[in-house]
Amino acid sequence: MNDITQGLLAALRLIVTFDAELWEIGLRSLQVSLTAVIIASAVAMPFGAFLAVQRFKYRRLVISIMNALMGLPPIVVVLIFYILSDRASWLNFKNKGDLALLFSGDPVLFNQYAYLPVNPAKHPTVQYGMAMQLEEWLLSDKSAALINNYQINGETLFVFNGQQ
């Protein structure tokens, strides 16, 4: 059985057995999505109605800008909001203005990084030896110390949790 089939079967098993963690994540995702739709609608619908009925000097320019913004790929919008919500961005910002953190430490905000070397049996042209050297370094004590000791304005930013 290949990796994709195993993954699909594992996912199906989690769904069918009503895995509590999976359903909590799914419901949280729906909650966030619905909240985003409600907020966006509360702003966009009155603004759209205003643009439809009001005539003002730069109306065509505003409509052109709105159309251009709606044409942005979703990933660009996600990256913009990631930058606005990222902890490193917040720490670098140094709280200019009268702002406060709304959420911190929530599992939804957990930003896991992973390193996955390519399978040399499926891709014989990859530099597998170099990939293994990188993996060894990423899992080393030196790498763990660099990650754990990385700070911005005296606050630790990352926690090493590498494992093989």
C-alpha atoms as a PDB file:
ATOM      1  CA  MET A   1       0.000   0.000   0.000  1.00  0.00           C
ATOM      2  CA  ASN A   2       1.436   3.405  -0.905  1.00  0.00           C
ATOM      3  CA  ASP A   3       1.764   6.456   1.334  1.00  0.00           C
ATOM      4  CA  ILE A   4      -1.210   8.298  -0.146  1.00  0.00           C
ATOM      5  CA  THR A   5      -3.551   5.355   0.377  1.00  0.00           C
ATOM      6  CA  GLN A   6      -2.325   4.914   3.948  1.00  0.00           C
ATOM      7  CA  GLY A   7      -2.861   8.609   4.618  1.00  0.00           C
ATOM      8  CA  LEU A   8      -6.372   8.553   3.168  1.00  0.00           C
ATOM      9  CA  LEU A   9      -7.280   5.472   5.202  1.00  0.00           C
ATOM     10  CA  ALA A  10      -5.919   7.065   8.383  1.00  0.00           C
ATOM     11  CA  ALA A  11      -7.918  10.249   7.677  1.00  0.00           C
ATOM     12  CA  LEU A  12     -11.072   8.234   7.004  1.00  0.00           C
ATOM     13  CA  ARG A  13     -10.551   6.298  10.239  1.00  0.00           C
ATOM     14  CA  LEU A  14     -10.289   9.571  12.200  1.00  0.00           C
ATOM     15  CA  ILE A  15     -13.492  10.881  10.615  1.00  0.00           C
ATOM     16  CA  VAL A  16     -15.516   7.672  11.056  1.00  0.00           C
ATOM     17  CA  THR A  17     -14.420   7.160  14.678  1.00  0.00           C
ATOM     18  CA  PHE A  18     -15.328  10.776  15.471  1.00  0.00           C
ATOM     19  CA  ASP A  19     -11.828  11.555  16.742  1.00  0.00           C
ATOM     20  CA  ALA A  20     -12.321  14.340  19.311  1.00  0.00           C
ATOM     21  CA  GLU A  21      -9.214  16.319  18.369  1.00  0.00           C
ATOM     22  CA  LEU A  22     -10.031  16.196  14.657  1.00  0.00           C
ATOM     23  CA  TRP A  23     -13.596  17.397  15.224  1.00  0.00           C
ATOM     24  CA  GLU A  24     -12.402  20.149  17.570  1.00  0.00           C
ATOM     25  CA  ILE A  25     -10.005  21.371  14.875  1.00  0.00           C
ATOM     26  CA  GLY A  26     -12.699  21.150  12.206  1.00  0.00           C
ATOM     27  CA  LEU A  27     -15.250  23.028  14.286  1.00  0.00           C
ATOM     28  CA  ARG A  28     -12.697  25.685  15.232  1.00  0.00           C
ATOM     29  CA  SER A  29     -11.869  26.122  11.551  1.00  0.00           C
ATOM     30  CA  LEU A  30     -15.566  26.547  10.727  1.00  0.00           C
ATOM     31  CA  GLN A  31     -15.946  29.023  13.586  1.00  0.00           C
ATOM     32  CA  VAL A  32     -13.019  31.107  12.327  1.00  0.00           C
ATOM     33  CA  SER A  33     -14.279  30.954   8.729  1.00  0.00           C
ATOM     34  CA  LEU A  34     -17.839  31.943   9.649  1.00  0.00           C
ATOM     35  CA  THR A  35     -16.581  34.779  11.827  1.00  0.00           C
ATOM     36  CA  ALA A  36     -14.449  36.024   8.936  1.00  0.00           C
ATOM     37  CA  VAL A  37     -17.426  35.870   6.554  1.00  0.00           C
ATOM     38  CA  ILE A  38     -19.653  37.765   8.990  1.00  0.00           C
ATOM     39  CA  ILE A  39     -17.055  40.475   9.600  1.00  0.00           C
ATOM     40  CA  ALA A  40     -16.259  40.786   5.881  1.00  0.00           C
ATOM     41  CA  SER A  41     -19.967  40.971   5.014  1.00  0.00           C
ATOM     42  CA  ALA A  42     -20.626  43.588   7.675  1.00  0.00           C
ATOM     43  CA  VAL A  43     -17.965  45.781   6.098  1.00  0.00           C
ATOM     44  CA  ALA A  44     -18.276  44.924   2.402  1.00  0.00           C
ATOM     45  CA  MET A  45     -22.048  44.961   1.928  1.00  0.00           C
ATOM     46  CA  PRO A  46     -22.663  48.518   3.156  1.00  0.00           C
ATOM     47  CA  PHE A  47     -19.545  49.699   1.313  1.00  0.00           C
ATOM     48  CA  GLY A  48     -20.729  48.013  -1.911  1.00  0.00           C
ATOM     49  CA  ALA A  49     -24.186  49.542  -1.539  1.00  0.00           C
ATOM     50  CA  PHE A  50     -22.600  52.939  -0.966  1.00  0.00           C
ATOM     51  CA  LEU A  51     -20.509  52.589  -4.138  1.00  0.00           C
ATOM     52  CA  ALA A  52     -23.566  51.464  -6.099  1.00  0.00           C
ATOM     53  CA  VAL A  53     -25.804  54.415  -5.216  1.00  0.00           C
ATOM     54  CA  GLN A  54     -23.500  57.346  -4.423  1.00  0.00           C
ATOM     55  CA  ARG A  55     -21.781  59.492  -7.023  1.00  0.00           C
ATOM     56  CA  PHE A  56     -18.570  61.212  -5.953  1.00  0.00           C
ATOM     57  CA  LYS A  57     -15.386  62.522  -7.516  1.00  0.00           C
ATOM     58  CA  TYR A  58     -13.104  59.455  -7.344  1.00  0.00           C
ATOM     59  CA  ARG A  59     -15.811  56.785  -7.472  1.00  0.00           C
ATOM     60  CA  ARG A  60     -14.444  55.061 -10.593  1.00  0.00           C
ATOM     61  CA  LEU A  61     -10.948  54.969  -9.077  1.00  0.00           C
ATOM     62  CA  VAL A  62     -12.284  53.447  -5.835  1.00  0.00           C
ATOM     63  CA  ILE A  63     -14.225  50.824  -7.826  1.00  0.00           C
ATOM     64  CA  SER A  64     -11.106  50.003  -9.860  1.00  0.00           C
ATOM     65  CA  ILE A  65      -9.048  49.593  -6.681  1.00  0.00           C
ATOM     66  CA  MET A  66     -11.732  47.375  -5.118  1.00  0.00           C
ATOM     67  CA  ASN A  67     -11.850  45.211  -8.270  1.00  0.00           C
ATOM     68  CA  ALA A  68      -8.056  44.918  -8.240  1.00  0.00           C
ATOM     69  CA  LEU A  69      -8.062  43.899  -4.567  1.00  0.00           C
ATOM     70  CA  MET A  70     -10.744  41.263  -5.210  1.00  0.00           C
ATOM     71  CA  GLY A  71      -8.508  39.879  -7.954  1.00  0.00           C
ATOM     72  CA  LEU A  72      -5.631  39.203  -5.546  1.00  0.00           C
ATOM     73  CA  PRO A  73      -4.856  35.513  -5.127  1.00  0.00           C
ATOM     74  CA  PRO A  74      -6.081  34.308  -1.716  1.00  0.00           C
ATOM     75  CA  ILE A  75      -2.545  33.293  -0.726  1.00  0.00           C
ATOM     76  CA  VAL A  76      -1.407  36.922  -1.029  1.00  0.00           C
ATOM     77  CA  VAL A  77      -4.175  38.027   1.314  1.00  0.00           C
ATOM     78  CA  VAL A  78      -3.292  35.197   3.722  1.00  0.00           C
ATOM     79  CA  LEU A  79       0.364  36.263   3.710  1.00  0.00           C
ATOM     80  CA  ILE A  80      -0.578  39.869   4.432  1.00  0.00           C
ATOM     81  CA  PHE A  81      -2.699  38.813   7.412  1.00  0.00           C
ATOM     82  CA  TYR A  82       0.012  36.386   8.538  1.00  0.00           C
ATOM     83  CA  ILE A  83       2.479  39.263   8.651  1.00  0.00           C
ATOM     84  CA  LEU A  84      -0.035  41.308  10.650  1.00  0.00           C
ATOM     85  CA  SER A  85      -0.666  38.472  13.128  1.00  0.00           C
ATOM     86  CA  ASP A  86       2.792  36.891  13.368  1.00  0.00           C
ATOM     87  CA  ARG A  87       4.470  37.077  16.770  1.00  0.00           C
ATOM     88  CA  ALA A  88       7.803  38.172  15.270  1.00  0.00           C
ATOM     89  CA  SER A  89       6.076  41.023  13.451  1.00  0.00           C
ATOM     90  CA  TRP A  90       4.393  42.048  16.704  1.00  0.00           C
ATOM     91  CA  LEU A  91       7.668  42.011  18.635  1.00  0.00           C
ATOM     92  CA  ASN A  92       9.460  43.990  15.920  1.00  0.00           C
ATOM     93  CA  PHE A  93       6.594  46.479  15.832  1.00  0.00           C
ATOM     94  CA  LYS A  94       7.350  47.282  19.503  1.00  0.00           C
ATOM     95  CA  ASN A  95       3.706  48.169  20.160  1.00  0.00           C
ATOM     96  CA  LYS A  96       3.734  51.522  18.432  1.00  0.00           C
ATOM     97  CA  GLY A  97       0.392  52.929  19.383  1.00  0.00           C
ATOM     98  CA  ASP A  98      -2.090  51.796  21.979  1.00  0.00           C
ATOM     99  CA  LEU A  99      -2.457  48.154  20.899  1.00  0.00           C
ATOM    100  CA  ALA A 100      -2.815  44.933  22.874  1.00  0.00           C
ATOM    101  CA  LEU A 101      -2.442  41.260  21.988  1.00  0.00           C
ATOM    102  CA  LEU A 102      -5.828  39.617  21.527  1.00  0.00           C
ATOM    103  CA  PHE A 103      -4.692  35.979  21.354  1.00  0.00           C
ATOM    104  CA  SER A 104      -1.483  34.223  22.299  1.00  0.00           C
ATOM    105  CA  GLY A 105      -0.729  30.571  22.929  1.00  0.00           C
ATOM    106  CA  ASP A 106      -3.896  29.232  21.289  1.00  0.00           C
ATOM    107  CA  PRO A 107      -3.264  25.881  19.528  1.00  0.00           C
ATOM    108  CA  VAL A 108      -4.823  27.311  16.353  1.00  0.00           C
ATOM    109  CA  LEU A 109      -1.953  29.802  16.239  1.00  0.00           C
ATOM    110  CA  PHE A 110       0.712  27.088  16.603  1.00  0.00           C
ATOM    111  CA  ASN A 111       3.096  27.493  13.692  1.00  0.00           C
ATOM    112  CA  GLN A 112       4.939  24.206  13.176  1.00  0.00           C
ATOM    113  CA  TYR A 113       7.848  24.004  10.771  1.00  0.00           C
ATOM    114  CA  ALA A 114       8.818  20.663   9.254  1.00  0.00           C
ATOM    115  CA  TYR A 115      11.688  19.323   7.186  1.00  0.00           C
ATOM    116  CA  LEU A 116      10.855  16.434   4.875  1.00  0.00           C
ATOM    117  CA  PRO A 117      13.677  15.065   2.705  1.00  0.00           C
ATOM    118  CA  VAL A 118      12.693  13.720  -0.706  1.00  0.00           C
ATOM    119  CA  ASN A 119      12.636   9.943  -1.127  1.00  0.00           C
ATOM    120  CA  PRO A 120      15.709   9.046  -3.254  1.00  0.00           C
ATOM    121  CA  ALA A 121      14.055   5.806  -4.436  1.00  0.00           C
ATOM    122  CA  LYS A 122      11.336   7.859  -6.142  1.00  0.00           C
ATOM    123  CA  HIS A 123      13.617  10.754  -7.147  1.00  0.00           C
ATOM    124  CA  PRO A 124      17.124   9.406  -7.861  1.00  0.00           C
ATOM    125  CA  THR A 125      18.551  12.793  -8.903  1.00  0.00           C
ATOM    126  CA  VAL A 126      18.179  14.401  -5.466  1.00  0.00           C
ATOM    127  CA  GLN A 127      21.246  15.085  -3.337  1.00  0.00           C
ATOM    128  CA  TYR A 128      20.104  12.698  -0.598  1.00  0.00           C
ATOM    129  CA  GLY A 129      23.429  12.721   1.263  1.00  0.00           C
ATOM    130  CA  MET A 130      23.292  16.486   1.588  1.00  0.00           C
ATOM    131  CA  ALA A 131      19.651  16.293   2.670  1.00  0.00           C
ATOM    132  CA  MET A 132      20.637  13.904   5.458  1.00  0.00           C
ATOM    133  CA  GLN A 133      23.464  16.244   6.531  1.00  0.00           C
ATOM    134  CA  LEU A 134      20.953  19.092   6.750  1.00  0.00           C
ATOM    135  CA  GLU A 135      18.536  16.915   8.732  1.00  0.00           C
ATOM    136  CA  GLU A 136      21.323  15.905  11.115  1.00  0.00           C
ATOM    137  CA  TRP A 137      22.216  19.563  11.639  1.00  0.00           C
ATOM    138  CA  LEU A 138      18.554  20.580  12.119  1.00  0.00           C
ATOM    139  CA  LEU A 139      18.187  17.959  14.852  1.00  0.00           C
ATOM    140  CA  SER A 140      21.529  18.768  16.512  1.00  0.00           C
ATOM    141  CA  ASP A 141      22.047  20.375  19.912  1.00  0.00           C
ATOM    142  CA  LYS A 142      23.586  23.405  18.168  1.00  0.00           C
ATOM    143  CA  SER A 143      20.463  23.903  16.067  1.00  0.00           C
ATOM    144  CA  ALA A 144      18.227  23.433  19.123  1.00  0.00           C
ATOM    145  CA  ALA A 145      20.228  26.078  21.010  1.00  0.00           C
ATOM    146  CA  LEU A 146      20.012  28.526  18.087  1.00  0.00           C
ATOM    147  CA  ILE A 147      16.246  28.056  17.848  1.00  0.00           C
ATOM    148  CA  ASN A 148      15.561  28.151  21.589  1.00  0.00           C
ATOM    149  CA  ASN A 149      17.794  31.205  22.149  1.00  0.00           C
ATOM    150  CA  TYR A 150      16.433  33.287  19.264  1.00  0.00           C
ATOM    151  CA  GLN A 151      14.878  36.398  20.751  1.00  0.00           C
ATOM    152  CA  ILE A 152      13.376  39.693  19.662  1.00  0.00           C
ATOM    153  CA  ASN A 153      13.310  42.479  22.255  1.00  0.00           C
ATOM    154  CA  GLY A 154      14.196  39.951  24.963  1.00  0.00           C
ATOM    155  CA  GLU A 155      11.314  37.575  24.173  1.00  0.00           C
ATOM    156  CA  THR A 156      11.893  34.025  22.985  1.00  0.00           C
ATOM    157  CA  LEU A 157      10.264  33.457  19.619  1.00  0.00           C
ATOM    158  CA  PHE A 158      10.604  29.727  18.897  1.00  0.00           C
ATOM    159  CA  VAL A 159      10.680  26.433  20.795  1.00  0.00           C
ATOM    160  CA  PHE A 160      12.723  23.562  19.378  1.00  0.00           C
ATOM    161  CA  ASN A 161      10.721  20.349  19.173  1.00  0.00           C
ATOM    162  CA  GLY A 162      12.639  18.459  16.494  1.00  0.00           C
ATOM    163  CA  GLN A 163      12.554  14.692  16.464  1.00  0.00           C
ATOM    164  CA  GLN A 164      13.512  12.024  14.005  1.00  0.00           C
END
